[in-house]
Amino acid sequence: MNIIAPGLSLFQNYRREWLPADLVAGLSVAAVALPVGIAYADLAGFPPVVGIYSCILPPVMYALFGSSRQLIVNPDVTAAAIVASTVAPLAAGNAEKFADLAMVLTLMTGIFLIAGGIVGLGAIANFLSRPILTGYLNGIALTIIVGQLGKLLGYEVAGGGFFSKLVSVISRLNETQLPTAALGLSLLVMLLVAKRVLPRLPWPLVAGLIGAGVVYFLGLTSRGVAIVGSVPAGLPVPHIPSVDLDQLTPLAFGAGGIMLVSFCSMTMTARSFAAKNGYTIDSTRDMVALGICDISAGLSRGFVVSGSDSRTAVVDSSGSKSQMAGIVASAAMVFVLLFLTSPLSYLPITGLSAILISSSTGLLDTTSIRDYYRLSKPEFRQCMVATLGVMTVGVLPGVLVAVGLAIFNLLRKASRPHDAVLGQMPDSPDLYRDLNAGAEPIPGLVIFRFDSPIIFFNAEHFASRVRTVADEAPPDTRYFLLNAESSSALDVTGASVIRSLREELSARGIILGVARPKGRFLSMLERSGLADEIGRENLFLTVREGVSAFLETERTSSVKATARDPE
């Protein structure tokens, strides 16, 4: 049974001494998750109670099926933004339709994740580079912040991307509602400052309580301050959604984007806390676990979830040792739904916007941008393009921009990989390093290393580099040794290119040899007949062996020349 639900070992091996820390951590998580879940539900376009529904079953499911001891799976700001951009156009203002579409979207995301985990797509977490993911999250954060400014100030902002929302915010500043703006800005400043001064306190809950108290005691609803309103008590009632068949394609597209972003984000968070606490996670297992969490959220009338870095940090800082903290947090949410929904009705909408803006600032990463600019201009540009993609074409198309950038970056690097001409280190003749690193060339011999498999999309670049190196070599070059230690594979196109290069080099009086061929590279040399064309005597297990063979040939040739011409 533990193979199906590995988290059952949590209950079998649970230690009593863990319970106090887990109780404190779970209640602390619930204190943060309650107002944040309501705020994310508002961002996604749901009634407030849906945010609470989404915080109940997913943490329990992850405790049973996930591999992290600290990770809290809850509603996520990025996923909420994608839900809104996917479902809102299809629902066309119909709240019931919106709920049905979102439920199907959540279930589809869960199914995609489980299927991906079963076929081994857990490695997708390594696909999006950190600069591209940083740019994507920065774009999400800026778009959310601008989109919430209107609610913070008491008026509606037009839809669209970042710039259209920004124009709407500026053009309607004259509609600012002073009581709403005063309350919202005060809560926002408190959140931004307090998180730095006392980061361990559940400030979203504090802000929500203060906001609700101010609204109730000062009677601000009569002065135009909008509130959450009635929150239905009780657990969610099962529901069978209804959608049109022609809406399944855009929903599947949205589910794919959420799958990619939410899983990558979750894995980054889980790995960070696992490394801090001295254990490892299983990405494939976590992909399946997140899919189960999404399905449980959908079936309980919630929406898509992911790993939450802020709520996981709360668990970690509380000293929790197990996923029991997530289960405690879920139980606390059930208690709120059953007995404490009345006070939630006084939560001001401007307060939720303050919480969202404060949360979104946590996604902004300007330090990394400066590092990318300093360390790698191409990766800096990729980060900026990902950010602008989200800000201009929208959140969901921004996923495509990010994925497209990742694929382009991968192909660009793979098609034009690093290479080096090697020589002997003066103080260690058996070490062969890049000539640019202080190594010295061996007269008559070129040692060339190509740091990639030689296959169809980089074979011509490989050929070009070999020709360039041969052209730049001294006129007395007699041997070209290809160091294949970094070339793990060779396909038919690559083999054909090497055959042509051997003939070209031979026409110049240069012999081609290969050192350290292995695996699929060596297999293709054998199957294609190249091993015999190059000559078995020119295939070497090591670079040192190839250099020794060349030097021995040179010595033998010199002795023969001296014997023929003793003068």
Protein backbone atom coordinates (compact mmCIF):
# COMPACT_ATOMS: atom_id res chain seq x y z
CA MET A 1 0.00 0.00 0.00
CA ASN A 2 2.93 2.34 0.72
CA ILE A 3 3.97 2.04 -2.92
CA ILE A 4 0.61 3.52 -3.96
CA ALA A 5 0.51 6.10 -1.16
CA PRO A 6 4.07 6.48 0.17
CA GLY A 7 2.96 9.13 2.64
CA LEU A 8 1.22 6.48 4.76
CA SER A 9 4.62 5.93 6.34
CA LEU A 10 4.05 9.35 7.92
CA PHE A 11 1.47 7.80 10.24
CA GLN A 12 3.33 4.52 10.71
CA ASN A 13 6.60 6.19 11.75
CA TYR A 14 5.26 9.37 13.32
CA ARG A 15 6.95 10.48 16.55
CA ARG A 16 5.01 12.07 19.38
CA GLU A 17 7.70 14.68 19.96
CA TRP A 18 7.02 16.10 16.48
CA LEU A 19 3.40 16.93 17.31
CA PRO A 20 3.84 20.31 19.11
CA ALA A 21 5.91 21.79 16.27
CA ASP A 22 3.53 20.35 13.66
CA LEU A 23 0.50 21.83 15.43
CA VAL A 24 2.09 25.27 15.61
CA ALA A 25 3.24 25.06 11.99
CA GLY A 26 -0.17 23.88 10.75
CA LEU A 27 -2.09 26.64 12.54
CA SER A 28 0.44 29.22 11.32
CA VAL A 29 0.01 27.99 7.74
CA ALA A 30 -3.79 28.20 8.07
CA ALA A 31 -3.49 31.76 9.38
CA VAL A 32 -1.59 32.74 6.23
CA ALA A 33 -3.49 30.51 3.79
CA LEU A 34 -6.97 31.71 4.74
CA PRO A 35 -6.72 35.36 3.58
CA VAL A 36 -4.29 34.51 0.79
CA GLY A 37 -6.58 31.76 -0.54
CA ILE A 38 -9.52 34.18 -0.56
CA ALA A 39 -7.39 36.78 -2.34
CA TYR A 40 -6.22 34.28 -4.97
CA ALA A 41 -9.80 33.14 -5.51
CA ASP A 42 -10.74 36.76 -6.17
CA LEU A 43 -7.83 37.07 -8.61
CA ALA A 44 -8.96 33.95 -10.47
CA GLY A 45 -12.56 35.17 -10.60
CA PHE A 46 -14.14 32.93 -7.95
CA PRO A 47 -16.27 33.62 -4.88
CA PRO A 48 -14.10 33.85 -1.71
CA VAL A 49 -15.17 30.45 -0.37
CA VAL A 50 -13.58 28.69 -3.36
CA GLY A 51 -10.16 29.79 -2.10
CA ILE A 52 -10.88 28.04 1.20
CA TYR A 53 -12.11 24.89 -0.57
CA SER A 54 -8.78 24.77 -2.44
CA CYS A 55 -6.85 24.67 0.85
CA ILE A 56 -8.56 21.59 2.31
CA LEU A 57 -7.92 18.39 0.35
CA PRO A 58 -4.73 19.22 -1.63
CA PRO A 59 -2.39 19.41 1.42
CA VAL A 60 -3.77 16.07 2.65
CA MET A 61 -3.29 14.46 -0.76
CA TYR A 62 0.27 15.73 -1.01
CA ALA A 63 0.99 14.39 2.47
CA LEU A 64 -0.06 10.94 1.22
CA PHE A 65 1.54 10.97 -2.22
CA GLY A 66 4.34 13.59 -2.25
CA SER A 67 8.02 13.31 -1.37
CA SER A 68 8.74 16.62 0.41
CA ARG A 69 8.47 16.79 4.20
CA GLN A 70 7.75 20.53 4.29
CA LEU A 71 5.99 21.49 1.06
CA ILE A 72 2.51 23.00 1.41
CA VAL A 73 0.28 22.64 -1.67
CA ASN A 74 -2.22 25.50 -1.84
CA PRO A 75 -3.67 27.99 -4.35
CA ASP A 76 -0.90 29.72 -6.28
CA VAL A 77 -0.89 33.27 -7.64
CA THR A 78 0.56 32.27 -11.01
CA ALA A 79 -1.91 29.43 -11.54
CA ALA A 80 -4.77 31.71 -10.44
CA ALA A 81 -3.76 34.26 -13.07
CA ILE A 82 -3.70 31.59 -15.79
CA VAL A 83 -7.11 30.26 -14.67
CA ALA A 84 -8.59 33.74 -15.01
CA SER A 85 -7.06 34.34 -18.46
CA THR A 86 -8.20 30.90 -19.69
CA VAL A 87 -11.71 30.67 -18.29
CA ALA A 88 -13.00 34.25 -18.32
CA PRO A 89 -13.22 34.57 -22.14
CA LEU A 90 -15.04 31.23 -22.38
CA ALA A 91 -17.51 31.98 -19.57
CA ALA A 92 -18.53 35.36 -21.02
CA GLY A 93 -19.65 36.70 -17.65
CA ASN A 94 -21.73 33.67 -16.65
CA ALA A 95 -20.70 32.80 -13.06
CA GLU A 96 -22.13 29.28 -13.16
CA LYS A 97 -20.39 28.58 -16.45
CA PHE A 98 -17.17 30.02 -15.05
CA ALA A 99 -17.27 27.57 -12.13
CA ASP A 100 -17.91 24.59 -14.42
CA LEU A 101 -15.14 25.54 -16.83
CA ALA A 102 -12.68 26.11 -13.99
CA MET A 103 -13.55 22.73 -12.49
CA VAL A 104 -12.89 20.97 -15.80
CA LEU A 105 -9.66 22.95 -16.24
CA THR A 106 -8.50 21.86 -12.78
CA LEU A 107 -9.35 18.22 -13.43
CA MET A 108 -7.63 18.27 -16.83
CA THR A 109 -4.51 19.77 -15.25
CA GLY A 110 -4.51 16.95 -12.69
CA ILE A 111 -4.92 14.29 -15.37
CA PHE A 112 -2.10 15.79 -17.46
CA LEU A 113 0.20 15.83 -14.44
CA ILE A 114 -0.54 12.23 -13.49
CA ALA A 115 -0.05 11.07 -17.08
CA GLY A 116 3.18 13.04 -17.29
CA GLY A 117 4.45 11.48 -14.08
CA ILE A 118 3.58 7.96 -15.27
CA VAL A 119 5.52 8.39 -18.54
CA GLY A 120 8.47 9.99 -16.74
CA LEU A 121 8.07 13.67 -17.57
CA GLY A 122 9.21 14.70 -14.09
CA ALA A 123 12.41 15.94 -15.72
CA ILE A 124 10.32 18.77 -17.22
CA ALA A 125 11.23 20.66 -14.05
CA ASN A 126 14.73 21.05 -15.53
CA PHE A 127 13.41 22.37 -18.84
CA LEU A 128 12.76 26.03 -18.13
CA SER A 129 16.03 27.78 -17.36
CA ARG A 130 16.14 29.94 -14.25
CA PRO A 131 16.49 33.25 -16.23
CA ILE A 132 13.41 32.41 -18.34
CA LEU A 133 11.39 31.37 -15.29
CA THR A 134 12.51 34.51 -13.46
CA GLY A 135 11.37 36.65 -16.39
CA TYR A 136 8.04 34.85 -16.57
CA LEU A 137 7.35 35.28 -12.86
CA ASN A 138 8.38 38.94 -12.98
CA GLY A 139 5.90 39.49 -15.81
CA ILE A 140 3.17 37.73 -13.82
CA ALA A 141 3.93 39.85 -10.74
CA LEU A 142 3.87 43.16 -12.61
CA THR A 143 0.64 42.25 -14.41
CA ILE A 144 -1.07 41.26 -11.15
CA ILE A 145 0.12 44.39 -9.34
CA VAL A 146 -1.17 46.72 -12.06
CA GLY A 147 -4.43 44.76 -12.32
CA GLN A 148 -5.06 45.13 -8.56
CA LEU A 149 -4.36 48.87 -8.34
CA GLY A 150 -7.89 49.76 -9.39
CA LYS A 151 -9.49 47.62 -6.67
CA LEU A 152 -7.00 49.00 -4.17
CA LEU A 153 -8.15 52.53 -5.00
CA GLY A 154 -11.85 51.72 -5.36
CA TYR A 155 -12.56 51.44 -9.09
CA GLU A 156 -12.54 48.81 -11.85
CA VAL A 157 -9.63 48.42 -14.28
CA ALA A 158 -10.16 47.30 -17.87
CA GLY A 159 -8.92 43.83 -18.83
CA GLY A 160 -6.06 43.00 -21.15
CA GLY A 161 -2.31 42.93 -20.71
CA PHE A 162 -0.04 44.97 -18.50
CA PHE A 163 0.05 48.11 -20.59
CA SER A 164 -3.68 48.32 -21.26
CA LYS A 165 -4.32 47.87 -17.53
CA LEU A 166 -1.74 50.53 -16.71
CA VAL A 167 -3.40 53.00 -19.08
CA SER A 168 -6.76 52.21 -17.49
CA VAL A 169 -5.37 52.74 -13.97
CA ILE A 170 -3.89 56.12 -14.86
CA SER A 171 -6.85 57.36 -16.89
CA ARG A 172 -9.31 56.62 -14.07
CA LEU A 173 -7.35 57.99 -11.13
CA ASN A 174 -9.97 60.72 -10.80
CA GLU A 175 -12.45 57.98 -9.79
CA THR A 176 -10.41 57.04 -6.72
CA GLN A 177 -12.61 56.42 -3.67
CA LEU A 178 -10.84 58.06 -0.75
CA PRO A 179 -12.04 55.76 2.09
CA THR A 180 -11.22 52.66 0.01
CA ALA A 181 -7.84 54.00 -1.08
CA ALA A 182 -6.91 55.09 2.45
CA LEU A 183 -7.72 51.68 3.90
CA GLY A 184 -6.08 49.70 1.08
CA LEU A 185 -2.89 51.75 0.94
CA SER A 186 -2.54 51.65 4.73
CA LEU A 187 -2.84 47.85 4.74
CA LEU A 188 -0.41 47.55 1.83
CA VAL A 189 2.23 49.69 3.54
CA MET A 190 1.76 47.69 6.73
CA LEU A 191 2.23 44.39 4.86
CA LEU A 192 5.33 45.52 2.98
CA VAL A 193 7.01 46.96 6.06
CA ALA A 194 5.92 44.32 8.57
CA LYS A 195 7.10 41.41 6.41
CA ARG A 196 10.64 42.82 6.64
CA VAL A 197 10.53 43.67 10.34
CA LEU A 198 8.75 40.57 11.71
CA PRO A 199 8.62 38.09 8.81
CA ARG A 200 7.42 35.10 10.88
CA LEU A 201 4.06 36.58 11.85
CA PRO A 202 1.00 35.73 9.66
CA TRP A 203 0.67 39.27 8.30
CA PRO A 204 -2.00 38.47 5.66
CA LEU A 205 -4.27 37.31 8.50
CA VAL A 206 -3.39 40.38 10.59
CA ALA A 207 -4.15 42.64 7.61
CA GLY A 208 -7.44 40.84 6.99
CA LEU A 209 -8.50 41.13 10.64
CA ILE A 210 -7.56 44.81 10.80
CA GLY A 211 -9.33 45.54 7.53
CA ALA A 212 -12.50 43.71 8.57
CA GLY A 213 -12.45 45.38 11.99
CA VAL A 214 -12.07 48.86 10.52
CA VAL A 215 -14.91 48.25 8.05
CA TYR A 216 -17.21 46.88 10.77
CA PHE A 217 -16.59 49.41 13.51
CA LEU A 218 -16.41 52.50 11.28
CA GLY A 219 -19.30 51.43 9.07
CA LEU A 220 -17.27 51.94 5.91
CA THR A 221 -19.66 49.94 3.72
CA SER A 222 -21.99 52.97 3.84
CA ARG A 223 -19.11 55.06 2.47
CA GLY A 224 -18.62 52.86 -0.57
CA VAL A 225 -15.96 50.43 0.67
CA ALA A 226 -16.65 47.09 -1.04
CA ILE A 227 -16.48 43.92 1.05
CA VAL A 228 -16.36 40.20 0.36
CA GLY A 229 -19.93 39.67 1.49
CA SER A 230 -21.63 36.51 2.63
CA VAL A 231 -19.41 33.40 2.70
CA PRO A 232 -21.45 30.17 2.74
CA ALA A 233 -20.76 27.90 5.70
CA GLY A 234 -20.29 24.16 5.37
CA LEU A 235 -18.23 21.83 3.21
CA PRO A 236 -18.44 21.87 -0.60
CA VAL A 237 -21.23 19.89 -2.26
CA PRO A 238 -20.18 17.51 -5.07
CA HIS A 239 -21.05 18.81 -8.52
CA ILE A 240 -20.87 17.47 -12.09
CA PRO A 241 -19.67 20.24 -14.44
CA SER A 242 -21.12 20.94 -17.85
CA VAL A 243 -19.01 22.29 -20.73
CA ASP A 244 -19.31 22.45 -24.50
CA LEU A 245 -17.09 20.16 -26.54
CA ASP A 246 -15.61 23.08 -28.48
CA GLN A 247 -14.36 24.54 -25.19
CA LEU A 248 -12.23 21.50 -24.35
CA THR A 249 -9.40 22.55 -26.69
CA PRO A 250 -8.74 25.96 -25.09
CA LEU A 251 -9.13 24.36 -21.68
CA ALA A 252 -6.56 21.69 -22.58
CA PHE A 253 -4.22 24.42 -23.80
CA GLY A 254 -4.62 26.25 -20.48
CA ALA A 255 -4.18 23.02 -18.50
CA GLY A 256 -0.91 22.35 -20.32
CA GLY A 257 0.39 25.80 -19.44
CA ILE A 258 -0.63 25.44 -15.80
CA MET A 259 0.94 21.97 -15.66
CA LEU A 260 4.28 23.31 -16.89
CA VAL A 261 4.44 26.42 -14.73
CA SER A 262 2.92 25.04 -11.53
CA PHE A 263 5.05 21.90 -11.53
CA CYS A 264 8.29 23.76 -12.26
CA SER A 265 7.49 26.30 -9.56
CA MET A 266 6.57 23.58 -7.06
CA THR A 267 9.72 21.59 -7.77
CA MET A 268 11.97 24.61 -7.29
CA THR A 269 10.36 25.26 -3.91
CA ALA A 270 10.49 21.59 -2.83
CA ARG A 271 14.13 21.20 -3.86
CA SER A 272 15.15 24.37 -2.00
CA PHE A 273 13.67 23.25 1.31
CA ALA A 274 14.80 19.64 0.84
CA ALA A 275 18.39 20.81 0.33
CA LYS A 276 18.13 23.01 3.41
CA ASN A 277 16.93 20.07 5.52
CA GLY A 278 19.29 17.44 4.15
CA TYR A 279 17.14 15.14 1.99
CA THR A 280 16.12 14.75 -1.64
CA ILE A 281 12.79 14.73 -3.43
CA ASP A 282 11.44 12.54 -6.22
CA SER A 283 10.29 14.80 -9.09
CA THR A 284 8.36 12.05 -10.87
CA ARG A 285 6.52 11.09 -7.70
CA ASP A 286 5.78 14.77 -7.02
CA MET A 287 4.36 15.24 -10.51
CA VAL A 288 1.84 12.48 -9.86
CA ALA A 289 1.18 13.87 -6.38
CA LEU A 290 0.45 17.37 -7.73
CA GLY A 291 -1.94 15.83 -10.26
CA ILE A 292 -3.80 14.05 -7.46
CA CYS A 293 -3.89 17.33 -5.52
CA ASP A 294 -5.44 19.14 -8.50
CA ILE A 295 -8.05 16.43 -9.00
CA SER A 296 -8.94 16.58 -5.31
CA ALA A 297 -9.23 20.37 -5.58
CA GLY A 298 -11.47 20.11 -8.63
CA LEU A 299 -13.75 17.51 -7.06
CA SER A 300 -14.11 19.66 -3.93
CA ARG A 301 -15.12 22.76 -5.94
CA GLY A 302 -11.67 24.36 -5.68
CA PHE A 303 -9.19 25.37 -8.38
CA VAL A 304 -5.63 24.49 -9.42
CA VAL A 305 -2.91 24.42 -6.77
CA SER A 306 0.86 24.34 -6.59
CA GLY A 307 3.67 24.35 -4.05
CA SER A 308 3.60 27.57 -2.05
CA ASP A 309 6.99 29.00 -1.13
CA SER A 310 5.59 31.45 1.46
CA ARG A 311 3.47 28.85 3.29
CA THR A 312 6.24 26.24 3.05
CA ALA A 313 8.61 28.77 4.61
CA VAL A 314 6.14 29.14 7.50
CA VAL A 315 6.24 25.37 8.06
CA ASP A 316 10.02 25.25 7.90
CA SER A 317 10.54 28.20 10.25
CA SER A 318 8.15 26.60 12.77
CA GLY A 319 10.39 23.55 13.02
CA SER A 320 7.93 21.08 11.50
CA LYS A 321 9.37 17.64 10.76
CA SER A 322 6.62 16.11 8.65
CA GLN A 323 3.58 16.64 6.42
CA MET A 324 1.36 16.51 9.51
CA ALA A 325 1.56 20.32 9.48
CA GLY A 326 -0.31 20.38 6.16
CA ILE A 327 -2.98 18.06 7.55
CA VAL A 328 -3.39 20.31 10.61
CA ALA A 329 -3.75 23.35 8.33
CA SER A 330 -6.45 21.55 6.34
CA ALA A 331 -8.34 20.69 9.54
CA ALA A 332 -8.15 24.35 10.58
CA MET A 333 -9.69 25.35 7.24
CA VAL A 334 -12.56 22.91 7.79
CA PHE A 335 -13.15 24.45 11.23
CA VAL A 336 -13.30 27.94 9.66
CA LEU A 337 -15.80 26.77 7.06
CA LEU A 338 -18.03 25.20 9.67
CA PHE A 339 -17.96 27.87 12.38
CA LEU A 340 -16.20 31.11 11.38
CA THR A 341 -17.49 32.24 7.99
CA SER A 342 -19.53 35.19 9.32
CA PRO A 343 -16.53 37.42 10.17
CA LEU A 344 -15.07 36.80 6.71
CA SER A 345 -17.93 38.71 5.11
CA TYR A 346 -16.42 42.00 6.34
CA LEU A 347 -13.10 41.50 4.57
CA PRO A 348 -12.62 44.59 2.36
CA ILE A 349 -11.87 43.98 -1.31
CA THR A 350 -9.18 46.65 -1.12
CA GLY A 351 -7.56 44.59 1.67
CA LEU A 352 -7.49 41.52 -0.57
CA SER A 353 -5.84 43.63 -3.27
CA ALA A 354 -3.24 44.76 -0.74
CA ILE A 355 -2.54 41.10 0.10
CA LEU A 356 -2.24 40.21 -3.60
CA ILE A 357 0.08 43.11 -4.35
CA SER A 358 2.20 42.26 -1.32
CA SER A 359 2.37 38.60 -2.38
CA SER A 360 3.23 39.54 -5.94
CA THR A 361 6.17 41.67 -4.85
CA GLY A 362 7.61 38.43 -3.50
CA LEU A 363 7.70 37.10 -7.07
CA LEU A 364 9.72 40.07 -8.30
CA ASP A 365 13.41 39.22 -8.51
CA THR A 366 15.53 42.21 -9.48
CA THR A 367 18.69 40.82 -7.88
CA SER A 368 18.79 37.90 -10.32
CA ILE A 369 18.20 40.25 -13.24
CA ARG A 370 21.29 42.23 -12.26
CA ASP A 371 23.26 38.99 -11.98
CA TYR A 372 22.11 37.83 -15.42
CA TYR A 373 23.13 41.17 -16.93
CA ARG A 374 26.56 40.91 -15.31
CA LEU A 375 27.19 37.23 -16.00
CA SER A 376 25.41 36.45 -19.28
CA LYS A 377 23.91 39.03 -21.63
CA PRO A 378 22.07 36.38 -23.75
CA GLU A 379 20.33 34.99 -20.66
CA PHE A 380 19.54 38.51 -19.49
CA ARG A 381 17.84 39.15 -22.84
CA GLN A 382 15.88 35.89 -22.55
CA CYS A 383 14.69 36.96 -19.09
CA MET A 384 13.54 40.34 -20.43
CA VAL A 385 11.76 38.80 -23.42
CA ALA A 386 9.87 36.40 -21.12
CA THR A 387 8.81 39.32 -18.93
CA LEU A 388 7.67 41.41 -21.89
CA GLY A 389 5.90 38.39 -23.37
CA VAL A 390 3.67 38.09 -20.31
CA MET A 391 3.16 41.86 -20.09
CA THR A 392 2.19 42.31 -23.76
CA VAL A 393 0.46 39.16 -25.00
CA GLY A 394 -0.93 38.02 -21.64
CA VAL A 395 -0.32 35.39 -19.00
CA LEU A 396 -1.22 32.22 -20.90
CA PRO A 397 0.51 33.16 -24.18
CA GLY A 398 3.40 34.15 -21.95
CA VAL A 399 3.76 30.46 -21.09
CA LEU A 400 4.29 29.78 -24.79
CA VAL A 401 6.81 32.60 -24.98
CA ALA A 402 8.70 31.11 -22.03
CA VAL A 403 8.60 27.58 -23.48
CA GLY A 404 9.56 28.86 -26.92
CA LEU A 405 12.51 30.71 -25.42
CA ALA A 406 13.59 27.60 -23.55
CA ILE A 407 13.47 25.48 -26.72
CA PHE A 408 15.25 28.16 -28.75
CA ASN A 409 17.91 28.55 -26.07
CA LEU A 410 18.42 24.78 -25.87
CA LEU A 411 18.69 24.36 -29.64
CA ARG A 412 20.95 27.40 -29.99
CA LYS A 413 23.38 26.07 -27.42
CA ALA A 414 23.22 22.53 -28.77
CA SER A 415 23.69 23.63 -32.39
CA ARG A 416 26.73 25.81 -31.61
CA PRO A 417 28.39 24.13 -28.62
CA HIS A 418 31.70 25.04 -27.06
CA ASP A 419 34.85 23.49 -28.48
CA ALA A 420 38.54 23.76 -27.73
CA VAL A 421 41.97 23.11 -29.19
CA LEU A 422 44.04 21.30 -26.57
CA GLY A 423 47.70 21.12 -25.69
CA GLN A 424 50.00 19.84 -22.95
CA MET A 425 50.32 21.62 -19.62
CA PRO A 426 53.99 22.66 -19.18
CA ASP A 427 54.28 21.32 -15.63
CA SER A 428 52.13 18.20 -16.27
CA PRO A 429 52.72 16.74 -19.75
CA ASP A 430 50.06 14.07 -19.22
CA LEU A 431 47.35 16.73 -18.76
CA TYR A 432 45.69 18.17 -21.85
CA ARG A 433 43.90 21.49 -21.53
CA ASP A 434 42.62 24.36 -23.67
CA LEU A 435 45.42 26.35 -25.31
CA ASN A 436 43.68 29.46 -23.94
CA ALA A 437 44.24 28.11 -20.42
CA GLY A 438 48.03 28.06 -20.71
CA ALA A 439 48.57 24.71 -22.42
CA GLU A 440 51.25 24.43 -25.11
CA PRO A 441 50.62 22.96 -28.60
CA ILE A 442 52.41 19.83 -29.74
CA PRO A 443 54.25 20.48 -33.04
CA GLY A 444 52.63 18.69 -35.95
CA LEU A 445 49.54 17.67 -33.93
CA VAL A 446 46.13 19.30 -33.42
CA ILE A 447 43.95 18.00 -30.57
CA PHE A 448 40.35 19.17 -31.00
CA ARG A 449 37.49 18.63 -28.53
CA PHE A 450 33.83 19.22 -29.50
CA ASP A 451 31.65 19.52 -26.39
CA SER A 452 28.44 17.99 -27.72
CA PRO A 453 27.04 14.95 -29.49
CA ILE A 454 27.67 15.29 -33.23
CA ILE A 455 24.19 15.00 -34.72
CA PHE A 456 22.08 16.47 -37.49
CA PHE A 457 21.48 19.99 -36.15
CA ASN A 458 25.11 20.75 -35.24
CA ALA A 459 27.01 18.56 -37.71
CA GLU A 460 27.66 21.39 -40.18
CA HIS A 461 28.84 23.66 -37.36
CA PHE A 462 31.21 20.87 -36.27
CA ALA A 463 32.52 20.59 -39.82
CA SER A 464 32.99 24.35 -40.04
CA ARG A 465 34.93 24.43 -36.79
CA VAL A 466 37.19 21.52 -37.86
CA ARG A 467 37.97 23.30 -41.16
CA THR A 468 38.69 26.56 -39.35
CA VAL A 469 40.99 24.88 -36.81
CA ALA A 470 42.78 23.02 -39.60
CA ASP A 471 43.19 26.25 -41.61
CA GLU A 472 44.64 28.05 -38.58
CA ALA A 473 46.99 25.21 -37.68
CA PRO A 474 50.73 25.50 -38.56
CA PRO A 475 51.69 24.35 -42.09
CA ASP A 476 53.60 21.34 -40.73
CA THR A 477 50.47 19.81 -39.10
CA ARG A 478 50.36 16.09 -39.88
CA TYR A 479 47.80 14.72 -37.46
CA PHE A 480 44.31 15.84 -36.35
CA LEU A 481 43.17 14.07 -33.16
CA LEU A 482 39.45 14.41 -32.38
CA ASN A 483 38.89 14.11 -28.62
CA ALA A 484 35.39 12.56 -28.45
CA GLU A 485 35.11 12.45 -24.64
CA SER A 486 32.35 15.10 -24.69
CA SER A 487 30.59 13.67 -27.75
CA SER A 488 28.22 11.10 -26.31
CA ALA A 489 26.42 10.35 -29.57
CA LEU A 490 26.91 10.30 -33.32
CA ASP A 491 24.07 9.98 -35.83
CA VAL A 492 24.06 9.22 -39.56
CA THR A 493 24.45 12.91 -40.50
CA GLY A 494 27.37 13.30 -38.10
CA ALA A 495 29.04 10.15 -39.42
CA SER A 496 28.69 11.42 -43.00
CA VAL A 497 30.30 14.74 -42.02
CA ILE A 498 33.23 13.00 -40.30
CA ARG A 499 33.74 10.84 -43.40
CA SER A 500 33.92 13.96 -45.59
CA LEU A 501 36.27 15.69 -43.16
CA ARG A 502 38.59 12.70 -43.09
CA GLU A 503 38.84 12.86 -46.88
CA GLU A 504 39.44 16.63 -46.83
CA LEU A 505 42.15 16.33 -44.19
CA SER A 506 43.73 13.41 -46.03
CA ALA A 507 43.94 15.56 -49.18
CA ARG A 508 45.97 18.06 -47.12
CA GLY A 509 48.27 15.30 -45.89
CA ILE A 510 46.70 15.24 -42.44
CA ILE A 511 45.67 11.99 -40.75
CA LEU A 512 42.44 11.94 -38.70
CA GLY A 513 42.42 10.06 -35.40
CA VAL A 514 39.75 9.73 -32.69
CA ALA A 515 40.43 9.51 -28.97
CA ARG A 516 38.00 8.33 -26.29
CA PRO A 517 35.09 7.26 -28.54
CA LYS A 518 32.44 5.56 -26.43
CA GLY A 519 28.81 4.53 -26.24
CA ARG A 520 26.62 5.52 -29.16
CA PHE A 521 29.48 7.46 -30.76
CA LEU A 522 31.68 4.36 -30.97
CA SER A 523 28.71 2.22 -31.99
CA MET A 524 28.00 4.46 -34.99
CA LEU A 525 31.68 4.46 -35.98
CA GLU A 526 31.50 0.68 -36.10
CA ARG A 527 28.12 0.36 -37.85
CA SER A 528 28.89 3.00 -40.48
CA GLY A 529 32.27 1.51 -41.37
CA LEU A 530 34.05 4.71 -40.29
CA ALA A 531 36.13 2.81 -37.76
CA ASP A 532 37.80 0.87 -40.61
CA GLU A 533 38.07 3.94 -42.87
CA ILE A 534 39.76 5.95 -40.16
CA GLY A 535 41.88 2.90 -39.30
CA ARG A 536 41.84 0.90 -36.10
CA GLU A 537 45.36 2.12 -35.42
CA ASN A 538 43.94 5.67 -35.25
CA LEU A 539 41.31 4.91 -32.61
CA PHE A 540 42.57 5.46 -29.05
CA LEU A 541 41.21 4.82 -25.59
CA THR A 542 42.72 8.07 -24.26
CA VAL A 543 44.13 11.33 -25.56
CA ARG A 544 47.44 10.42 -23.95
CA GLU A 545 47.53 7.18 -25.96
CA GLY A 546 46.85 9.10 -29.19
CA VAL A 547 49.58 11.66 -28.44
CA SER A 548 52.05 8.87 -27.59
CA ALA A 549 51.25 7.09 -30.86
CA PHE A 550 51.79 10.32 -32.82
CA LEU A 551 55.09 11.08 -31.07
CA GLU A 552 56.29 7.52 -31.62
CA THR A 553 55.45 7.79 -35.32
CA GLU A 554 57.32 11.10 -35.49
CA ARG A 555 60.34 9.59 -33.73
CA THR A 556 60.34 6.56 -36.04
CA SER A 557 60.05 8.80 -39.12
CA SER A 558 62.93 10.94 -37.86
CA VAL A 559 65.14 7.88 -37.29
CA LYS A 560 64.37 6.58 -40.78
CA ALA A 561 65.09 9.99 -42.30
CA THR A 562 68.40 10.16 -40.46
CA ALA A 563 69.33 6.66 -41.63
CA ARG A 564 68.67 7.62 -45.24
CA ASP A 565 70.60 10.87 -44.99
CA PRO A 566 73.34 10.58 -42.33
CA GLU A 567 74.78 13.92 -43.41
